[in-house]
């Protein structure tokens, strides 16, 4: 019988232990990588936005997506779509920077759509500006080259 060994985390769940680059792509074992975001961290909305913005500015939208995912999973039910939409924008930027233009554009538009019900500026988030940024970037990546994640990082707050 040929059994494949899988990397496991401390709780025994399957989790790839390979290092990752700033866009979340797996690197060879032993290669220097970017430290992963810890999972399941409960942050205030302000802490979430500050950490995600830091990661976006550093060209690490995959890691920012994980910060938003924590907020989406731990936040109040009526805010989950807000955080999920922000996570989709971050992963859309990730895919766009990796060269997956169709997937990137689709996720950018999906994230913009998820933000639509949150008119105004909840927690200072510039929903209209982010939606415009996402739709404009989606159109651009569909017809152009791979984007630079750090150069294209959106401003979450005004």
C-alpha atoms as a PDB file:
ATOM      1  CA  UNK A   1       0.000   0.000   0.000  1.00  0.00           C
ATOM      2  CA  UNK A   2       1.397   3.424  -0.980  1.00  0.00           C
ATOM      3  CA  UNK A   3       0.521   5.972   1.705  1.00  0.00           C
ATOM      4  CA  UNK A   4       1.224   9.670   1.151  1.00  0.00           C
ATOM      5  CA  UNK A   5       2.400  11.526   4.249  1.00  0.00           C
ATOM      6  CA  UNK A   6       0.751  14.876   4.797  1.00  0.00           C
ATOM      7  CA  UNK A   7       2.039  17.779   6.813  1.00  0.00           C
ATOM      8  CA  UNK A   8      -0.064  18.336   9.941  1.00  0.00           C
ATOM      9  CA  UNK A   9      -0.466  21.265  12.300  1.00  0.00           C
ATOM     10  CA  UNK A  10      -0.318  21.008  16.098  1.00  0.00           C
ATOM     11  CA  UNK A  11      -3.996  19.938  16.210  1.00  0.00           C
ATOM     12  CA  UNK A  12      -3.431  17.178  13.645  1.00  0.00           C
ATOM     13  CA  UNK A  13      -5.203  18.942  10.760  1.00  0.00           C
ATOM     14  CA  UNK A  14      -3.677  18.666   7.298  1.00  0.00           C
ATOM     15  CA  UNK A  15      -1.644  21.817   6.718  1.00  0.00           C
ATOM     16  CA  UNK A  16       1.115  22.260   4.212  1.00  0.00           C
ATOM     17  CA  UNK A  17       4.299  23.112   6.116  1.00  0.00           C
ATOM     18  CA  UNK A  18       6.142  24.399   3.059  1.00  0.00           C
ATOM     19  CA  UNK A  19       7.239  28.016   3.360  1.00  0.00           C
ATOM     20  CA  UNK A  20       5.237  30.584   1.383  1.00  0.00           C
ATOM     21  CA  UNK A  21       6.147  33.700  -0.528  1.00  0.00           C
ATOM     22  CA  UNK A  22       4.449  37.070  -0.068  1.00  0.00           C
ATOM     23  CA  UNK A  23       1.659  36.051  -2.439  1.00  0.00           C
ATOM     24  CA  UNK A  24       1.009  32.824  -0.535  1.00  0.00           C
ATOM     25  CA  UNK A  25       2.597  30.526  -3.125  1.00  0.00           C
ATOM     26  CA  UNK A  26       4.325  27.440  -1.681  1.00  0.00           C
ATOM     27  CA  UNK A  27       8.110  27.418  -1.869  1.00  0.00           C
ATOM     28  CA  UNK A  28      10.382  24.372  -1.659  1.00  0.00           C
ATOM     29  CA  UNK A  29      10.936  22.922   1.805  1.00  0.00           C
ATOM     30  CA  UNK A  30      13.878  24.685   3.436  1.00  0.00           C
ATOM     31  CA  UNK A  31      13.568  27.863   1.339  1.00  0.00           C
ATOM     32  CA  UNK A  32      13.233  31.138   3.199  1.00  0.00           C
ATOM     33  CA  UNK A  33       9.638  32.262   3.198  1.00  0.00           C
ATOM     34  CA  UNK A  34       7.278  34.811   4.659  1.00  0.00           C
ATOM     35  CA  UNK A  35       5.933  34.057   8.106  1.00  0.00           C
ATOM     36  CA  UNK A  36       2.322  32.948   7.967  1.00  0.00           C
ATOM     37  CA  UNK A  37      -0.444  34.861   9.627  1.00  0.00           C
ATOM     38  CA  UNK A  38      -1.647  33.106  12.750  1.00  0.00           C
ATOM     39  CA  UNK A  39      -5.178  31.759  12.303  1.00  0.00           C
ATOM     40  CA  UNK A  40      -8.166  32.424  14.500  1.00  0.00           C
ATOM     41  CA  UNK A  41      -6.959  35.739  15.916  1.00  0.00           C
ATOM     42  CA  UNK A  42      -9.798  37.883  17.232  1.00  0.00           C
ATOM     43  CA  UNK A  43      -9.048  41.552  16.630  1.00  0.00           C
ATOM     44  CA  UNK A  44     -11.058  44.729  16.931  1.00  0.00           C
ATOM     45  CA  UNK A  45     -12.179  46.191  13.598  1.00  0.00           C
ATOM     46  CA  UNK A  46      -9.500  48.891  13.928  1.00  0.00           C
ATOM     47  CA  UNK A  47      -6.801  46.276  14.586  1.00  0.00           C
ATOM     48  CA  UNK A  48      -8.028  44.188  11.656  1.00  0.00           C
ATOM     49  CA  UNK A  49      -7.907  47.143   9.288  1.00  0.00           C
ATOM     50  CA  UNK A  50      -4.485  48.294  10.499  1.00  0.00           C
ATOM     51  CA  UNK A  51      -2.925  44.833  10.160  1.00  0.00           C
ATOM     52  CA  UNK A  52      -4.536  44.187   6.770  1.00  0.00           C
ATOM     53  CA  UNK A  53      -3.392  47.591   5.473  1.00  0.00           C
ATOM     54  CA  UNK A  54       0.160  46.890   6.663  1.00  0.00           C
ATOM     55  CA  UNK A  55       0.166  43.603   4.772  1.00  0.00           C
ATOM     56  CA  UNK A  56      -1.398  45.102   1.640  1.00  0.00           C
ATOM     57  CA  UNK A  57       1.167  47.900   1.628  1.00  0.00           C
ATOM     58  CA  UNK A  58       3.936  45.282   1.938  1.00  0.00           C
ATOM     59  CA  UNK A  59       2.649  43.499  -1.186  1.00  0.00           C
ATOM     60  CA  UNK A  60       1.221  40.591   0.816  1.00  0.00           C
ATOM     61  CA  UNK A  61      -2.500  40.542  -0.068  1.00  0.00           C
ATOM     62  CA  UNK A  62      -2.759  36.780   0.540  1.00  0.00           C
ATOM     63  CA  UNK A  63      -1.795  37.369   4.165  1.00  0.00           C
ATOM     64  CA  UNK A  64      -4.180  40.354   4.409  1.00  0.00           C
ATOM     65  CA  UNK A  65      -6.946  38.036   3.197  1.00  0.00           C
ATOM     66  CA  UNK A  66      -6.246  35.758   6.177  1.00  0.00           C
ATOM     67  CA  UNK A  67      -6.620  38.711   8.577  1.00  0.00           C
ATOM     68  CA  UNK A  68      -9.976  39.581   6.994  1.00  0.00           C
ATOM     69  CA  UNK A  69     -11.001  35.935   7.142  1.00  0.00           C
ATOM     70  CA  UNK A  70     -10.459  35.933  10.918  1.00  0.00           C
ATOM     71  CA  UNK A  71     -12.743  38.993  11.218  1.00  0.00           C
ATOM     72  CA  UNK A  72     -15.327  37.372   8.954  1.00  0.00           C
ATOM     73  CA  UNK A  73     -15.374  34.194  11.042  1.00  0.00           C
ATOM     74  CA  UNK A  74     -15.305  35.841  14.480  1.00  0.00           C
ATOM     75  CA  UNK A  75     -17.285  39.044  13.935  1.00  0.00           C
ATOM     76  CA  UNK A  76     -20.958  39.789  14.392  1.00  0.00           C
ATOM     77  CA  UNK A  77     -23.279  38.057  11.927  1.00  0.00           C
ATOM     78  CA  UNK A  78     -24.452  41.343  10.402  1.00  0.00           C
ATOM     79  CA  UNK A  79     -20.854  42.297   9.495  1.00  0.00           C
ATOM     80  CA  UNK A  80     -19.661  39.010   8.047  1.00  0.00           C
ATOM     81  CA  UNK A  81     -20.327  40.005   4.427  1.00  0.00           C
ATOM     82  CA  UNK A  82     -18.289  43.181   4.945  1.00  0.00           C
ATOM     83  CA  UNK A  83     -15.222  41.244   6.080  1.00  0.00           C
ATOM     84  CA  UNK A  84     -15.800  38.510   3.523  1.00  0.00           C
ATOM     85  CA  UNK A  85     -15.973  41.139   0.766  1.00  0.00           C
ATOM     86  CA  UNK A  86     -12.688  42.652   1.956  1.00  0.00           C
ATOM     87  CA  UNK A  87     -11.126  39.170   2.014  1.00  0.00           C
ATOM     88  CA  UNK A  88     -12.309  38.630  -1.557  1.00  0.00           C
ATOM     89  CA  UNK A  89     -10.710  41.913  -2.652  1.00  0.00           C
ATOM     90  CA  UNK A  90      -7.416  40.842  -1.077  1.00  0.00           C
ATOM     91  CA  UNK A  91      -7.471  37.400  -2.662  1.00  0.00           C
ATOM     92  CA  UNK A  92      -8.524  38.960  -5.977  1.00  0.00           C
ATOM     93  CA  UNK A  93      -5.419  41.143  -5.810  1.00  0.00           C
ATOM     94  CA  UNK A  94      -3.414  38.024  -4.920  1.00  0.00           C
ATOM     95  CA  UNK A  95      -4.623  36.159  -7.996  1.00  0.00           C
ATOM     96  CA  UNK A  96      -4.089  39.207 -10.197  1.00  0.00           C
ATOM     97  CA  UNK A  97      -0.491  39.536  -8.977  1.00  0.00           C
ATOM     98  CA  UNK A  98       0.094  35.811  -9.543  1.00  0.00           C
ATOM     99  CA  UNK A  99      -1.034  36.162 -13.169  1.00  0.00           C
ATOM    100  CA  UNK A 100      -4.451  34.516 -12.793  1.00  0.00           C
ATOM    101  CA  UNK A 101      -6.256  37.390 -14.469  1.00  0.00           C
ATOM    102  CA  UNK A 102      -9.642  35.703 -14.902  1.00  0.00           C
ATOM    103  CA  UNK A 103      -9.780  34.505 -11.286  1.00  0.00           C
ATOM    104  CA  UNK A 104      -8.430  37.804  -9.987  1.00  0.00           C
ATOM    105  CA  UNK A 105     -10.990  39.864 -11.887  1.00  0.00           C
ATOM    106  CA  UNK A 106     -13.833  37.575 -10.801  1.00  0.00           C
ATOM    107  CA  UNK A 107     -12.882  37.835  -7.103  1.00  0.00           C
ATOM    108  CA  UNK A 108     -12.354  41.593  -7.283  1.00  0.00           C
ATOM    109  CA  UNK A 109     -15.856  42.031  -8.709  1.00  0.00           C
ATOM    110  CA  UNK A 110     -17.352  39.560  -6.221  1.00  0.00           C
ATOM    111  CA  UNK A 111     -15.736  41.451  -3.332  1.00  0.00           C
ATOM    112  CA  UNK A 112     -16.999  44.790  -4.651  1.00  0.00           C
ATOM    113  CA  UNK A 113     -20.497  43.300  -4.858  1.00  0.00           C
ATOM    114  CA  UNK A 114     -20.295  41.992  -1.297  1.00  0.00           C
ATOM    115  CA  UNK A 115     -19.391  45.496  -0.073  1.00  0.00           C
ATOM    116  CA  UNK A 116     -22.339  47.159  -1.857  1.00  0.00           C
ATOM    117  CA  UNK A 117     -24.828  46.790   1.049  1.00  0.00           C
ATOM    118  CA  UNK A 118     -22.395  48.595   3.359  1.00  0.00           C
ATOM    119  CA  UNK A 119     -22.875  52.103   1.980  1.00  0.00           C
ATOM    120  CA  UNK A 120     -21.026  54.828   3.770  1.00  0.00           C
ATOM    121  CA  UNK A 121     -17.870  54.205   5.717  1.00  0.00           C
ATOM    122  CA  UNK A 122     -18.277  51.514   8.382  1.00  0.00           C
ATOM    123  CA  UNK A 123     -15.203  51.668  10.638  1.00  0.00           C
ATOM    124  CA  UNK A 124     -13.858  54.364   8.307  1.00  0.00           C
ATOM    125  CA  UNK A 125     -13.703  51.883   5.401  1.00  0.00           C
ATOM    126  CA  UNK A 126     -14.121  53.743   2.115  1.00  0.00           C
ATOM    127  CA  UNK A 127     -16.616  51.290   0.615  1.00  0.00           C
ATOM    128  CA  UNK A 128     -17.353  53.321  -2.524  1.00  0.00           C
ATOM    129  CA  UNK A 129     -13.676  53.974  -3.181  1.00  0.00           C
ATOM    130  CA  UNK A 130     -12.743  50.323  -2.642  1.00  0.00           C
ATOM    131  CA  UNK A 131     -15.529  49.147  -4.927  1.00  0.00           C
ATOM    132  CA  UNK A 132     -14.373  51.553  -7.641  1.00  0.00           C
ATOM    133  CA  UNK A 133     -10.741  50.424  -7.176  1.00  0.00           C
ATOM    134  CA  UNK A 134     -11.749  46.745  -7.424  1.00  0.00           C
ATOM    135  CA  UNK A 135     -13.828  47.165 -10.581  1.00  0.00           C
ATOM    136  CA  UNK A 136     -11.180  49.314 -12.265  1.00  0.00           C
ATOM    137  CA  UNK A 137      -8.413  46.845 -11.405  1.00  0.00           C
ATOM    138  CA  UNK A 138     -10.567  43.913 -12.569  1.00  0.00           C
ATOM    139  CA  UNK A 139     -11.028  45.533 -15.977  1.00  0.00           C
ATOM    140  CA  UNK A 140      -7.331  46.330 -16.223  1.00  0.00           C
ATOM    141  CA  UNK A 141      -6.039  42.865 -15.282  1.00  0.00           C
ATOM    142  CA  UNK A 142      -8.320  41.202 -17.805  1.00  0.00           C
ATOM    143  CA  UNK A 143      -6.620  43.083 -20.613  1.00  0.00           C
ATOM    144  CA  UNK A 144      -3.105  43.573 -19.326  1.00  0.00           C
ATOM    145  CA  UNK A 145      -0.094  42.116 -17.621  1.00  0.00           C
ATOM    146  CA  UNK A 146       0.274  40.822 -14.103  1.00  0.00           C
ATOM    147  CA  UNK A 147       0.024  43.593 -11.517  1.00  0.00           C
ATOM    148  CA  UNK A 148       2.416  44.474  -8.712  1.00  0.00           C
ATOM    149  CA  UNK A 149       0.532  43.753  -5.471  1.00  0.00           C
ATOM    150  CA  UNK A 150       2.266  46.470  -3.419  1.00  0.00           C
ATOM    151  CA  UNK A 151       1.868  49.121  -6.129  1.00  0.00           C
ATOM    152  CA  UNK A 152      -1.834  48.286  -6.507  1.00  0.00           C
ATOM    153  CA  UNK A 153      -2.619  48.050  -2.772  1.00  0.00           C
ATOM    154  CA  UNK A 154      -5.858  49.887  -2.011  1.00  0.00           C
ATOM    155  CA  UNK A 155      -6.368  52.329   0.844  1.00  0.00           C
ATOM    156  CA  UNK A 156      -8.908  50.742   3.178  1.00  0.00           C
ATOM    157  CA  UNK A 157      -9.654  53.972   5.008  1.00  0.00           C
ATOM    158  CA  UNK A 158      -9.876  57.502   3.739  1.00  0.00           C
END
